[in-house]
Amino acid sequence: MATRAAAALTGLSRATMNRNTKPSAAQQLPQRRSTPRNKLTDAERVRVLAVLNSPEFVDCAPLTVWATLLDEGTYLCSVSTMYRILAENTLVKERRRLARHPKSNCPELVATAPRQVYSWDITKPAGPGKGIYYDAYVMIDIYSRYIVGCHVHHRESGVLAAELMEQIFGTHGVPHVVHADRGTAMTSKSVTALLADLEVTR
């Protein structure tokens, strides 16, 4: 009756009046959650953490630990509590003590003058027909990017690569370093023996 009279005086509908009389979410006081009766004590949490970090379970996920202990007739806590305890101790990750390897720098060759570092590779340009390819042996001086030698053959061979190097070294001089990848021709005995005889670093 009071709500109807107030609605008549204010010009608002009764539904609006009823809705506005309810306290908003911001006006409602936060309700304090009661402490669960089965909450672990500090000593129990320490025990759970010790079990999770033990040599037997350090490599296992909490679900595996929980199931294994349950099979043995031991119940420490729920799986979610195990995760919560690990998160509180920043252990939700690899718990083993892993070796930390020092960061390795990528090796880099720097040339400050010609004939210091040559780099070579073998590429396969297309031939006159489908499925026909040649092998182009190309060597450059990385200081000037000048192509010091190039041969084209029908196959990839360490002997042919050694012949290319002998011709280039006889024309342009012997470099200090020859750079290449670990291809078959690059690691062949012919190339390895030639560079070793000339005391060129591979």
Protein backbone atom coordinates (compact mmCIF):
# COMPACT_ATOMS: atom_id res chain seq x y z
CA MET A 1 0.00 0.00 0.00
CA ALA A 2 2.84 2.36 0.88
CA THR A 3 4.64 1.52 -2.34
CA ARG A 4 1.49 2.23 -4.37
CA ALA A 5 1.03 5.60 -2.69
CA ALA A 6 4.66 6.53 -3.24
CA ALA A 7 4.36 5.54 -6.90
CA ALA A 8 1.28 7.75 -7.26
CA LEU A 9 3.10 10.73 -5.69
CA THR A 10 6.31 10.36 -7.70
CA GLY A 11 4.75 9.36 -10.99
CA LEU A 12 6.85 6.18 -11.20
CA SER A 13 5.53 2.71 -11.70
CA ARG A 14 5.34 0.34 -8.76
CA ALA A 15 7.91 -2.00 -10.41
CA THR A 16 10.40 0.86 -10.66
CA MET A 17 9.83 1.80 -7.04
CA ASN A 18 10.40 -1.78 -5.90
CA ARG A 19 13.54 -2.07 -7.99
CA ASN A 20 15.02 1.16 -6.69
CA THR A 21 14.43 0.25 -3.07
CA LYS A 22 16.79 -2.73 -3.36
CA PRO A 23 20.40 -1.91 -2.45
CA SER A 24 22.80 -1.91 -5.38
CA ALA A 25 25.76 -4.24 -5.61
CA ALA A 26 28.09 -1.37 -4.73
CA GLN A 27 26.04 -0.60 -1.60
CA GLN A 28 25.98 -4.18 -0.40
CA LEU A 29 28.66 -5.00 2.16
CA PRO A 30 31.09 -7.73 1.14
CA GLN A 31 30.28 -10.94 2.90
CA ARG A 32 33.18 -12.58 4.68
CA ARG A 33 33.62 -16.17 3.66
CA SER A 34 33.84 -18.59 6.52
CA THR A 35 37.02 -20.62 6.84
CA PRO A 36 36.52 -24.18 5.59
CA ARG A 37 36.65 -26.77 8.33
CA ASN A 38 38.97 -28.97 6.29
CA LYS A 39 41.52 -26.20 5.57
CA LEU A 40 45.09 -27.45 5.85
CA THR A 41 47.24 -26.17 8.66
CA ASP A 42 50.65 -24.66 8.02
CA ALA A 43 52.33 -27.88 9.09
CA GLU A 44 50.17 -29.90 6.70
CA ARG A 45 50.95 -27.55 3.82
CA VAL A 46 54.67 -27.91 4.53
CA ARG A 47 54.25 -31.69 4.46
CA VAL A 48 52.42 -31.59 1.12
CA LEU A 49 55.16 -29.41 -0.37
CA ALA A 50 57.84 -31.78 0.94
CA VAL A 51 56.07 -34.75 -0.65
CA LEU A 52 55.73 -32.97 -4.00
CA ASN A 53 59.43 -32.06 -4.00
CA SER A 54 60.60 -35.46 -2.80
CA PRO A 55 62.85 -37.51 -5.13
CA GLU A 56 59.97 -39.91 -5.73
CA PHE A 57 57.52 -37.29 -6.99
CA VAL A 58 59.65 -34.36 -8.17
CA ASP A 59 59.19 -35.44 -11.81
CA CYS A 60 55.45 -36.12 -11.47
CA ALA A 61 52.41 -33.94 -12.02
CA PRO A 62 50.19 -33.29 -8.98
CA LEU A 63 47.48 -35.53 -10.42
CA THR A 64 49.96 -38.41 -10.64
CA VAL A 65 51.16 -37.77 -7.09
CA TRP A 66 47.59 -37.66 -5.81
CA ALA A 67 46.64 -40.92 -7.54
CA THR A 68 49.80 -42.73 -6.41
CA LEU A 69 49.32 -41.70 -2.80
CA LEU A 70 45.67 -42.69 -2.97
CA ASP A 71 46.64 -46.16 -4.20
CA GLU A 72 48.93 -46.41 -1.17
CA GLY A 73 46.11 -45.43 1.15
CA THR A 74 47.34 -41.89 1.81
CA TYR A 75 45.24 -38.77 1.25
CA LEU A 76 46.99 -35.47 1.82
CA CYS A 77 44.73 -33.02 0.01
CA SER A 78 42.96 -32.49 -3.29
CA VAL A 79 44.74 -32.04 -6.61
CA SER A 80 43.69 -28.39 -6.79
CA THR A 81 45.17 -27.79 -3.33
CA MET A 82 48.45 -29.30 -4.49
CA TYR A 83 48.50 -26.90 -7.42
CA ARG A 84 47.62 -24.02 -5.08
CA ILE A 85 50.48 -24.86 -2.72
CA LEU A 86 52.92 -25.14 -5.61
CA ALA A 87 51.73 -21.80 -7.01
CA GLU A 88 52.21 -20.10 -3.64
CA ASN A 89 55.82 -21.29 -3.68
CA THR A 90 56.35 -20.48 -7.40
CA LEU A 91 56.88 -24.14 -8.20
CA VAL A 92 54.25 -24.66 -10.88
CA LYS A 93 57.00 -25.49 -13.38
CA GLU A 94 59.97 -27.81 -13.62
CA ARG A 95 60.84 -28.69 -10.02
CA ARG A 96 64.11 -30.47 -10.73
CA ARG A 97 67.42 -28.67 -10.45
CA LEU A 98 68.41 -28.34 -14.07
CA ALA A 99 71.85 -27.44 -15.31
CA ARG A 100 71.98 -23.92 -16.72
CA HIS A 101 74.04 -23.79 -19.86
CA PRO A 102 75.77 -20.52 -20.68
CA LYS A 103 74.40 -18.68 -23.65
CA SER A 104 76.51 -19.46 -26.70
CA ASN A 105 77.26 -16.82 -29.28
CA CYS A 106 76.90 -17.60 -32.95
CA PRO A 107 80.38 -17.70 -34.55
CA GLU A 108 80.99 -14.87 -36.95
CA LEU A 109 83.63 -14.43 -39.62
CA VAL A 110 84.83 -10.89 -40.29
CA ALA A 111 87.04 -9.87 -43.19
CA THR A 112 88.84 -6.53 -43.15
CA ALA A 113 90.64 -6.99 -46.48
CA PRO A 114 90.49 -9.11 -49.64
CA ARG A 115 91.72 -12.73 -49.65
CA GLN A 116 91.06 -13.19 -45.92
CA VAL A 117 87.82 -15.21 -45.98
CA TYR A 118 86.38 -17.08 -48.92
CA SER A 119 82.94 -18.66 -48.75
CA TRP A 120 81.64 -21.26 -51.16
CA ASP A 121 78.60 -23.39 -51.81
CA ILE A 122 77.01 -25.61 -54.42
CA THR A 123 73.66 -24.67 -55.91
CA LYS A 124 71.51 -26.52 -58.43
CA PRO A 125 70.38 -24.43 -61.42
CA ALA A 126 67.72 -25.94 -63.64
CA GLY A 127 68.79 -27.68 -66.83
CA PRO A 128 67.21 -27.75 -70.29
CA GLY A 129 64.53 -30.28 -69.36
CA LYS A 130 62.24 -31.24 -66.52
CA GLY A 131 64.09 -32.99 -63.72
CA ILE A 132 67.52 -32.05 -65.11
CA TYR A 133 69.76 -30.00 -62.85
CA TYR A 134 73.39 -28.94 -62.83
CA ASP A 135 75.72 -28.33 -59.89
CA ALA A 136 77.18 -24.82 -59.78
CA TYR A 137 80.26 -24.51 -57.56
CA VAL A 138 80.57 -20.85 -56.56
CA MET A 139 83.17 -19.21 -54.29
CA ILE A 140 83.15 -15.55 -53.23
CA ASP A 141 85.41 -13.24 -51.28
CA ILE A 142 83.17 -12.05 -48.43
CA TYR A 143 85.04 -8.74 -48.10
CA SER A 144 84.25 -7.51 -51.62
CA ARG A 145 81.47 -10.00 -52.49
CA TYR A 146 83.49 -10.69 -55.63
CA ILE A 147 82.97 -14.10 -57.21
CA VAL A 148 86.49 -15.47 -57.37
CA GLY A 149 85.49 -18.69 -59.08
CA CYS A 150 82.56 -20.61 -60.54
CA HIS A 151 82.35 -24.04 -62.16
CA VAL A 152 79.29 -25.89 -63.43
CA HIS A 153 79.26 -29.69 -63.50
CA HIS A 154 76.80 -32.52 -63.92
CA ARG A 155 77.39 -33.89 -60.42
CA GLU A 156 78.55 -32.97 -56.95
CA SER A 157 82.01 -34.24 -56.11
CA GLY A 158 84.78 -33.50 -53.64
CA VAL A 159 87.40 -33.96 -56.37
CA LEU A 160 85.72 -31.32 -58.55
CA ALA A 161 85.50 -28.98 -55.57
CA ALA A 162 89.22 -29.43 -54.89
CA GLU A 163 90.01 -28.66 -58.53
CA LEU A 164 87.98 -25.45 -58.28
CA MET A 165 89.88 -24.39 -55.16
CA GLU A 166 93.28 -25.13 -56.69
CA GLN A 167 92.41 -22.96 -59.69
CA ILE A 168 91.06 -20.11 -57.52
CA PHE A 169 93.99 -20.16 -55.09
CA GLY A 170 96.44 -20.16 -57.99
CA THR A 171 94.75 -17.11 -59.51
CA HIS A 172 93.65 -15.00 -56.54
CA GLY A 173 95.88 -16.28 -53.74
CA VAL A 174 95.36 -18.53 -50.75
CA PRO A 175 92.92 -17.14 -48.15
CA HIS A 176 93.22 -17.46 -44.39
CA VAL A 177 89.78 -19.07 -43.97
CA VAL A 178 87.42 -20.98 -46.24
CA HIS A 179 83.83 -21.05 -45.03
CA ALA A 180 81.22 -23.61 -46.11
CA ASP A 181 78.37 -25.67 -44.75
CA ARG A 182 78.62 -29.35 -43.86
CA GLY A 183 77.72 -30.67 -47.29
CA THR A 184 79.15 -33.86 -48.78
CA ALA A 185 81.65 -32.11 -51.02
CA MET A 186 82.66 -29.66 -48.27
CA THR A 187 83.62 -32.46 -45.90
CA SER A 188 85.18 -34.73 -48.52
CA LYS A 189 88.75 -36.01 -48.12
CA SER A 190 89.90 -34.18 -51.26
CA VAL A 191 88.85 -30.75 -49.95
CA THR A 192 89.95 -31.47 -46.38
CA ALA A 193 93.41 -32.62 -47.44
CA LEU A 194 93.90 -29.66 -49.80
CA LEU A 195 93.01 -27.07 -47.16
CA ALA A 196 95.15 -28.84 -44.56
CA ASP A 197 98.17 -28.86 -46.88
CA LEU A 198 97.73 -25.13 -47.55
CA GLU A 199 97.17 -24.43 -43.83
CA VAL A 200 93.77 -22.85 -44.52
CA THR A 201 91.30 -22.79 -41.65
CA ARG A 202 88.03 -24.56 -42.42
